[in-house]
Amino acid sequence: MAYGTDNLAQGPAMSLETAERALLAGAAIVEQEIENGLDILGTGEMGIGNTTPSAAIAAVLTGQDPADIVGRGTGLDEAGVSHKADIVARALQINRPDRNKALDVLAKVGGFEIAGLTGAILAAAAHGKPVMIDGFISTAAAMIAVGLAPKLQPYLISAHHSQERGHGVMLDWLNLVPLLDLHMRLGEGAGAALGMSMADAACKVLQNMATFAEAAVSGKEA
């Protein structure tokens, strides 16, 4: 797309056309992997600074004050968190993203990785594949995806509750209950990997565990 998005505190992070291209790029990767046998998608990201656009997305869609969403990211002190919240508030004031138009929100205050994750989620759900959502940034992408296609919500599974402030609000908006709460903060997909193991175990229980009748378990005594 480019070497980076524009400064969201000064104007839109990207154009609608660029947001669409980034979204489709993420979808194309999943489409290819589905041909290779993908049966569940785990989302994750790696980067610095991307909790800021994620917090902006969450603030827009949930209607919460940025101060209630913005967290420490990679280790900010309280002064840094306060400054970060001010940046998000300024971005929302300058760009005025329309909470009823998810692509507008993505373009004005999102990031390329969030757009790519959004496209990946949309493609997986379109093929009936479940999506294991990891941390803060992946959850922001899931919010945009649901904003674009509300019917995909049942395909989403929250792997864990992030320590990042505001993540619980985001999960509530998505109506998701996390599988784990291990005080994890980073979002590189480690939580999604753990969640996928749990999903695999659950499927094996459903498919292979004997019923009471099959196991000849005695009935209730009279």
C-alpha atoms as a PDB file:
ATOM      1  CA  MET A   1       0.000   0.000   0.000  1.00  0.00           C
ATOM      2  CA  ALA A   2       2.696   2.448   1.145  1.00  0.00           C
ATOM      3  CA  TYR A   3       5.525   2.662   3.664  1.00  0.00           C
ATOM      4  CA  GLY A   4       2.992   3.697   6.265  1.00  0.00           C
ATOM      5  CA  THR A   5      -0.318   5.422   6.795  1.00  0.00           C
ATOM      6  CA  ASP A   6      -0.588   9.183   7.135  1.00  0.00           C
ATOM      7  CA  ASN A   7      -0.707  10.878  10.529  1.00  0.00           C
ATOM      8  CA  LEU A   8      -4.243  10.293  11.820  1.00  0.00           C
ATOM      9  CA  ALA A   9      -3.892  13.237  14.213  1.00  0.00           C
ATOM     10  CA  GLN A  10      -3.575  15.553  11.208  1.00  0.00           C
ATOM     11  CA  GLY A  11      -6.041  13.995   8.765  1.00  0.00           C
ATOM     12  CA  PRO A  12      -7.266  10.645   7.405  1.00  0.00           C
ATOM     13  CA  ALA A  13      -4.839   7.750   7.842  1.00  0.00           C
ATOM     14  CA  MET A  14      -5.576   6.611   4.294  1.00  0.00           C
ATOM     15  CA  SER A  15      -8.077   7.022   1.486  1.00  0.00           C
ATOM     16  CA  LEU A  16     -11.130   4.793   1.145  1.00  0.00           C
ATOM     17  CA  GLU A  17      -9.562   3.285  -1.976  1.00  0.00           C
ATOM     18  CA  THR A  18      -6.339   2.423  -0.133  1.00  0.00           C
ATOM     19  CA  ALA A  19      -8.323   0.933   2.761  1.00  0.00           C
ATOM     20  CA  GLU A  20     -10.182  -1.294   0.300  1.00  0.00           C
ATOM     21  CA  ARG A  21      -6.912  -2.403  -1.320  1.00  0.00           C
ATOM     22  CA  ALA A  22      -5.407  -3.292   2.057  1.00  0.00           C
ATOM     23  CA  LEU A  23      -8.556  -5.146   3.053  1.00  0.00           C
ATOM     24  CA  LEU A  24      -8.563  -7.149  -0.176  1.00  0.00           C
ATOM     25  CA  ALA A  25      -4.861  -7.950   0.251  1.00  0.00           C
ATOM     26  CA  GLY A  26      -5.626  -9.599   3.590  1.00  0.00           C
ATOM     27  CA  ALA A  27      -8.579 -11.457   2.127  1.00  0.00           C
ATOM     28  CA  ALA A  28      -6.453 -12.770  -0.753  1.00  0.00           C
ATOM     29  CA  ILE A  29      -4.010 -14.429   1.652  1.00  0.00           C
ATOM     30  CA  VAL A  30      -6.797 -16.303   3.410  1.00  0.00           C
ATOM     31  CA  GLU A  31      -8.411 -17.287   0.102  1.00  0.00           C
ATOM     32  CA  GLN A  32      -5.098 -18.886  -0.885  1.00  0.00           C
ATOM     33  CA  GLU A  33      -4.696 -20.656   2.453  1.00  0.00           C
ATOM     34  CA  ILE A  34      -8.245 -22.029   2.275  1.00  0.00           C
ATOM     35  CA  GLU A  35      -7.229 -23.719  -0.978  1.00  0.00           C
ATOM     36  CA  ASN A  36      -4.337 -25.242   1.013  1.00  0.00           C
ATOM     37  CA  GLY A  37      -6.710 -26.655   3.618  1.00  0.00           C
ATOM     38  CA  LEU A  38      -7.158 -23.897   6.217  1.00  0.00           C
ATOM     39  CA  ASP A  39      -9.961 -24.843   8.616  1.00  0.00           C
ATOM     40  CA  ILE A  40      -9.558 -22.148  11.290  1.00  0.00           C
ATOM     41  CA  LEU A  41      -7.937 -18.720  11.172  1.00  0.00           C
ATOM     42  CA  GLY A  42      -5.914 -17.297  14.047  1.00  0.00           C
ATOM     43  CA  THR A  43      -5.265 -13.568  13.923  1.00  0.00           C
ATOM     44  CA  GLY A  44      -2.282 -11.686  15.309  1.00  0.00           C
ATOM     45  CA  GLU A  45      -0.024  -8.758  14.494  1.00  0.00           C
ATOM     46  CA  MET A  46       3.427  -7.393  15.150  1.00  0.00           C
ATOM     47  CA  GLY A  47       4.193  -3.693  15.245  1.00  0.00           C
ATOM     48  CA  ILE A  48       4.782  -0.582  17.293  1.00  0.00           C
ATOM     49  CA  GLY A  49       2.218   2.176  17.631  1.00  0.00           C
ATOM     50  CA  ASN A  50      -0.766   0.218  16.389  1.00  0.00           C
ATOM     51  CA  THR A  51      -2.636   0.288  19.689  1.00  0.00           C
ATOM     52  CA  THR A  52      -3.306   3.958  18.930  1.00  0.00           C
ATOM     53  CA  PRO A  53      -5.415   3.422  15.778  1.00  0.00           C
ATOM     54  CA  SER A  54      -6.991   0.371  17.425  1.00  0.00           C
ATOM     55  CA  ALA A  55      -8.051   2.494  20.387  1.00  0.00           C
ATOM     56  CA  ALA A  56      -9.401   5.118  18.003  1.00  0.00           C
ATOM     57  CA  ILE A  57     -11.502   2.495  16.213  1.00  0.00           C
ATOM     58  CA  ALA A  58     -12.808   1.148  19.512  1.00  0.00           C
ATOM     59  CA  ALA A  59     -13.652   4.635  20.786  1.00  0.00           C
ATOM     60  CA  VAL A  60     -15.617   5.436  17.632  1.00  0.00           C
ATOM     61  CA  LEU A  61     -17.591   2.198  17.463  1.00  0.00           C
ATOM     62  CA  THR A  62     -18.329   1.861  21.178  1.00  0.00           C
ATOM     63  CA  GLY A  63     -18.908   5.550  21.795  1.00  0.00           C
ATOM     64  CA  GLN A  64     -16.574   5.441  24.791  1.00  0.00           C
ATOM     65  CA  ASP A  65     -14.242   8.259  25.777  1.00  0.00           C
ATOM     66  CA  PRO A  66     -10.707   7.627  24.429  1.00  0.00           C
ATOM     67  CA  ALA A  67      -9.379   7.900  27.992  1.00  0.00           C
ATOM     68  CA  ASP A  68     -11.386   4.773  28.860  1.00  0.00           C
ATOM     69  CA  ILE A  69      -9.948   2.834  25.905  1.00  0.00           C
ATOM     70  CA  VAL A  70      -6.325   3.913  25.518  1.00  0.00           C
ATOM     71  CA  GLY A  71      -3.796   1.747  27.365  1.00  0.00           C
ATOM     72  CA  ARG A  72      -0.073   1.435  27.920  1.00  0.00           C
ATOM     73  CA  GLY A  73       0.729  -0.352  24.666  1.00  0.00           C
ATOM     74  CA  THR A  74       4.388  -1.338  24.795  1.00  0.00           C
ATOM     75  CA  GLY A  75       4.956   0.225  28.201  1.00  0.00           C
ATOM     76  CA  LEU A  76       3.968   3.879  28.435  1.00  0.00           C
ATOM     77  CA  ASP A  77       3.888   5.601  31.804  1.00  0.00           C
ATOM     78  CA  GLU A  78       0.785   7.489  32.946  1.00  0.00           C
ATOM     79  CA  ALA A  79       1.919  10.705  31.266  1.00  0.00           C
ATOM     80  CA  GLY A  80       2.436   8.803  28.020  1.00  0.00           C
ATOM     81  CA  VAL A  81      -0.988   7.182  28.248  1.00  0.00           C
ATOM     82  CA  SER A  82      -2.597  10.585  28.838  1.00  0.00           C
ATOM     83  CA  HIS A  83      -0.793  12.045  25.817  1.00  0.00           C
ATOM     84  CA  LYS A  84      -1.823   9.057  23.726  1.00  0.00           C
ATOM     85  CA  ALA A  85      -5.471   9.530  24.722  1.00  0.00           C
ATOM     86  CA  ASP A  86      -5.208  13.188  23.711  1.00  0.00           C
ATOM     87  CA  ILE A  87      -3.848  12.140  20.294  1.00  0.00           C
ATOM     88  CA  VAL A  88      -6.761   9.736  19.785  1.00  0.00           C
ATOM     89  CA  ALA A  89      -9.267  12.396  20.837  1.00  0.00           C
ATOM     90  CA  ARG A  90      -7.653  14.867  18.422  1.00  0.00           C
ATOM     91  CA  ALA A  91      -7.796  12.302  15.607  1.00  0.00           C
ATOM     92  CA  LEU A  92     -11.501  11.745  16.186  1.00  0.00           C
ATOM     93  CA  GLN A  93     -12.195  15.474  16.303  1.00  0.00           C
ATOM     94  CA  ILE A  94     -10.259  16.195  13.117  1.00  0.00           C
ATOM     95  CA  ASN A  95     -11.476  13.219  11.067  1.00  0.00           C
ATOM     96  CA  ARG A  96     -14.997  12.755  12.457  1.00  0.00           C
ATOM     97  CA  PRO A  97     -15.311   9.114  11.364  1.00  0.00           C
ATOM     98  CA  ASP A  98     -18.871   7.891  10.862  1.00  0.00           C
ATOM     99  CA  ARG A  99     -19.475   5.058  13.355  1.00  0.00           C
ATOM    100  CA  ASN A 100     -22.222   3.711  11.060  1.00  0.00           C
ATOM    101  CA  LYS A 101     -19.756   3.306   8.177  1.00  0.00           C
ATOM    102  CA  ALA A 102     -17.022   0.867   9.182  1.00  0.00           C
ATOM    103  CA  LEU A 103     -14.912   1.465   6.078  1.00  0.00           C
ATOM    104  CA  ASP A 104     -14.944   5.189   6.813  1.00  0.00           C
ATOM    105  CA  VAL A 105     -13.722   4.487  10.356  1.00  0.00           C
ATOM    106  CA  LEU A 106     -10.985   2.181   9.055  1.00  0.00           C
ATOM    107  CA  ALA A 107      -9.778   4.676   6.459  1.00  0.00           C
ATOM    108  CA  LYS A 108      -9.768   7.696   8.748  1.00  0.00           C
ATOM    109  CA  VAL A 109      -8.208   6.261  11.911  1.00  0.00           C
ATOM    110  CA  GLY A 110      -7.076   2.702  11.075  1.00  0.00           C
ATOM    111  CA  GLY A 111      -3.874   1.093   9.891  1.00  0.00           C
ATOM    112  CA  PHE A 112      -2.777  -1.174   7.064  1.00  0.00           C
ATOM    113  CA  GLU A 113      -2.358  -4.170   9.375  1.00  0.00           C
ATOM    114  CA  ILE A 114      -5.849  -3.624  10.793  1.00  0.00           C
ATOM    115  CA  ALA A 115      -7.253  -3.440   7.277  1.00  0.00           C
ATOM    116  CA  GLY A 116      -5.425  -6.620   6.284  1.00  0.00           C
ATOM    117  CA  LEU A 117      -6.702  -8.443   9.360  1.00  0.00           C
ATOM    118  CA  THR A 118     -10.218  -7.232   8.610  1.00  0.00           C
ATOM    119  CA  GLY A 119     -10.038  -8.658   5.108  1.00  0.00           C
ATOM    120  CA  ALA A 120      -8.677 -11.940   6.440  1.00  0.00           C
ATOM    121  CA  ILE A 121     -11.552 -12.219   8.911  1.00  0.00           C
ATOM    122  CA  LEU A 122     -14.128 -11.436   6.231  1.00  0.00           C
ATOM    123  CA  ALA A 123     -12.682 -14.043   3.869  1.00  0.00           C
ATOM    124  CA  ALA A 124     -12.554 -16.760   6.516  1.00  0.00           C
ATOM    125  CA  ALA A 125     -16.147 -16.177   7.586  1.00  0.00           C
ATOM    126  CA  ALA A 126     -17.308 -16.043   3.955  1.00  0.00           C
ATOM    127  CA  HIS A 127     -16.033 -19.614   3.620  1.00  0.00           C
ATOM    128  CA  GLY A 128     -17.594 -20.718   6.897  1.00  0.00           C
ATOM    129  CA  LYS A 129     -14.279 -20.908   8.772  1.00  0.00           C
ATOM    130  CA  PRO A 130     -14.071 -19.872  12.436  1.00  0.00           C
ATOM    131  CA  VAL A 131     -11.727 -17.054  13.432  1.00  0.00           C
ATOM    132  CA  MET A 132      -9.743 -17.105  16.689  1.00  0.00           C
ATOM    133  CA  ILE A 133      -9.222 -13.454  17.640  1.00  0.00           C
ATOM    134  CA  ASP A 134      -6.060 -12.603  19.569  1.00  0.00           C
ATOM    135  CA  GLY A 135      -5.436  -9.287  21.348  1.00  0.00           C
ATOM    136  CA  PHE A 136      -6.239  -5.594  21.155  1.00  0.00           C
ATOM    137  CA  ILE A 137      -5.362  -4.892  17.512  1.00  0.00           C
ATOM    138  CA  SER A 138      -6.972  -8.089  16.207  1.00  0.00           C
ATOM    139  CA  THR A 139     -10.113  -7.240  18.137  1.00  0.00           C
ATOM    140  CA  ALA A 140     -10.224  -3.786  16.538  1.00  0.00           C
ATOM    141  CA  ALA A 141     -10.052  -5.488  13.142  1.00  0.00           C
ATOM    142  CA  ALA A 142     -12.867  -7.833  14.184  1.00  0.00           C
ATOM    143  CA  MET A 143     -14.971  -4.806  15.098  1.00  0.00           C
ATOM    144  CA  ILE A 144     -14.461  -3.305  11.648  1.00  0.00           C
ATOM    145  CA  ALA A 145     -15.284  -6.679  10.068  1.00  0.00           C
ATOM    146  CA  VAL A 146     -18.537  -6.942  12.028  1.00  0.00           C
ATOM    147  CA  GLY A 147     -19.328  -3.352  11.099  1.00  0.00           C
ATOM    148  CA  LEU A 148     -18.964  -4.303   7.443  1.00  0.00           C
ATOM    149  CA  ALA A 149     -20.726  -7.678   7.704  1.00  0.00           C
ATOM    150  CA  PRO A 150     -22.695  -8.128  10.955  1.00  0.00           C
ATOM    151  CA  LYS A 151     -23.636 -11.722  10.115  1.00  0.00           C
ATOM    152  CA  LEU A 152     -20.037 -12.894  10.558  1.00  0.00           C
ATOM    153  CA  GLN A 153     -20.125 -12.369  14.340  1.00  0.00           C
ATOM    154  CA  PRO A 154     -20.945 -16.040  15.120  1.00  0.00           C
ATOM    155  CA  TYR A 155     -17.704 -17.079  13.388  1.00  0.00           C
ATOM    156  CA  LEU A 156     -15.605 -15.115  15.897  1.00  0.00           C
ATOM    157  CA  ILE A 157     -14.015 -16.642  18.986  1.00  0.00           C
ATOM    158  CA  SER A 158     -12.099 -14.529  21.493  1.00  0.00           C
ATOM    159  CA  ALA A 159      -8.947 -16.343  22.560  1.00  0.00           C
ATOM    160  CA  HIS A 160      -8.111 -14.251  25.610  1.00  0.00           C
ATOM    161  CA  HIS A 161      -8.752 -11.060  27.556  1.00  0.00           C
ATOM    162  CA  SER A 162      -5.870  -8.666  26.964  1.00  0.00           C
ATOM    163  CA  GLN A 163      -4.429  -6.551  29.751  1.00  0.00           C
ATOM    164  CA  GLU A 164      -4.678  -3.559  27.419  1.00  0.00           C
ATOM    165  CA  ARG A 165      -7.200  -1.061  28.791  1.00  0.00           C
ATOM    166  CA  GLY A 166     -10.406  -1.030  26.806  1.00  0.00           C
ATOM    167  CA  HIS A 167     -10.194  -4.594  25.511  1.00  0.00           C
ATOM    168  CA  GLY A 168     -13.085  -5.697  27.691  1.00  0.00           C
ATOM    169  CA  VAL A 169     -15.259  -2.915  26.273  1.00  0.00           C
ATOM    170  CA  MET A 170     -14.395  -4.085  22.762  1.00  0.00           C
ATOM    171  CA  LEU A 171     -15.264  -7.697  23.565  1.00  0.00           C
ATOM    172  CA  ASP A 172     -18.572  -6.608  25.078  1.00  0.00           C
ATOM    173  CA  TRP A 173     -19.366  -4.673  21.884  1.00  0.00           C
ATOM    174  CA  LEU A 174     -18.655  -7.830  19.896  1.00  0.00           C
ATOM    175  CA  ASN A 175     -20.672  -9.921  22.380  1.00  0.00           C
ATOM    176  CA  LEU A 176     -17.707 -12.258  22.874  1.00  0.00           C
ATOM    177  CA  VAL A 177     -16.571 -14.050  26.030  1.00  0.00           C
ATOM    178  CA  PRO A 178     -12.805 -14.779  26.008  1.00  0.00           C
ATOM    179  CA  LEU A 179     -11.642 -18.358  26.499  1.00  0.00           C
ATOM    180  CA  LEU A 180      -8.647 -17.369  28.634  1.00  0.00           C
ATOM    181  CA  ASP A 181      -7.537 -14.615  30.978  1.00  0.00           C
ATOM    182  CA  LEU A 182      -3.799 -15.079  31.480  1.00  0.00           C
ATOM    183  CA  HIS A 183      -2.840 -11.410  31.921  1.00  0.00           C
ATOM    184  CA  MET A 184      -1.341 -11.379  28.430  1.00  0.00           C
ATOM    185  CA  ARG A 185      -0.724  -7.987  26.845  1.00  0.00           C
ATOM    186  CA  LEU A 186       0.948  -8.510  23.460  1.00  0.00           C
ATOM    187  CA  GLY A 187      -1.029  -9.480  20.386  1.00  0.00           C
ATOM    188  CA  GLU A 188       1.348 -11.408  18.145  1.00  0.00           C
ATOM    189  CA  GLY A 189      -0.983 -14.406  18.047  1.00  0.00           C
ATOM    190  CA  ALA A 190       0.215 -16.379  21.082  1.00  0.00           C
ATOM    191  CA  GLY A 191      -3.231 -16.169  22.644  1.00  0.00           C
ATOM    192  CA  ALA A 192      -4.856 -17.218  19.383  1.00  0.00           C
ATOM    193  CA  ALA A 193      -2.552 -20.243  19.194  1.00  0.00           C
ATOM    194  CA  LEU A 194      -3.609 -21.288  22.702  1.00  0.00           C
ATOM    195  CA  GLY A 195      -7.244 -20.718  21.791  1.00  0.00           C
ATOM    196  CA  MET A 196      -6.905 -22.817  18.656  1.00  0.00           C
ATOM    197  CA  SER A 197      -5.555 -25.675  20.774  1.00  0.00           C
ATOM    198  CA  MET A 198      -8.630 -25.397  22.969  1.00  0.00           C
ATOM    199  CA  ALA A 199     -10.905 -25.366  19.929  1.00  0.00           C
ATOM    200  CA  ASP A 200      -9.163 -28.465  18.587  1.00  0.00           C
ATOM    201  CA  ALA A 201      -9.591 -30.207  21.936  1.00  0.00           C
ATOM    202  CA  ALA A 202     -13.275 -29.251  22.036  1.00  0.00           C
ATOM    203  CA  CYS A 203     -13.833 -30.697  18.563  1.00  0.00           C
ATOM    204  CA  LYS A 204     -12.148 -33.944  19.582  1.00  0.00           C
ATOM    205  CA  VAL A 205     -14.365 -34.223  22.642  1.00  0.00           C
ATOM    206  CA  LEU A 206     -17.470 -33.667  20.525  1.00  0.00           C
ATOM    207  CA  GLN A 207     -16.374 -36.183  17.900  1.00  0.00           C
ATOM    208  CA  ASN A 208     -14.745 -38.913  19.979  1.00  0.00           C
ATOM    209  CA  MET A 209     -16.071 -38.886  23.530  1.00  0.00           C
ATOM    210  CA  ALA A 210     -18.502 -41.705  24.205  1.00  0.00           C
ATOM    211  CA  THR A 211     -22.049 -40.934  25.256  1.00  0.00           C
ATOM    212  CA  PHE A 212     -23.475 -42.491  28.420  1.00  0.00           C
ATOM    213  CA  ALA A 213     -25.232 -45.083  26.260  1.00  0.00           C
ATOM    214  CA  GLU A 214     -22.120 -45.913  24.222  1.00  0.00           C
ATOM    215  CA  ALA A 215     -20.014 -46.209  27.373  1.00  0.00           C
ATOM    216  CA  ALA A 216     -22.652 -48.408  29.037  1.00  0.00           C
ATOM    217  CA  VAL A 217     -22.882 -46.047  31.968  1.00  0.00           C
ATOM    218  CA  SER A 218     -25.488 -47.365  34.373  1.00  0.00           C
ATOM    219  CA  GLY A 219     -28.692 -45.417  34.704  1.00  0.00           C
ATOM    220  CA  LYS A 220     -30.012 -43.747  37.826  1.00  0.00           C
ATOM    221  CA  GLU A 221     -30.921 -46.227  40.487  1.00  0.00           C
ATOM    222  CA  ALA A 222     -34.585 -46.379  41.519  1.00  0.00           C
END
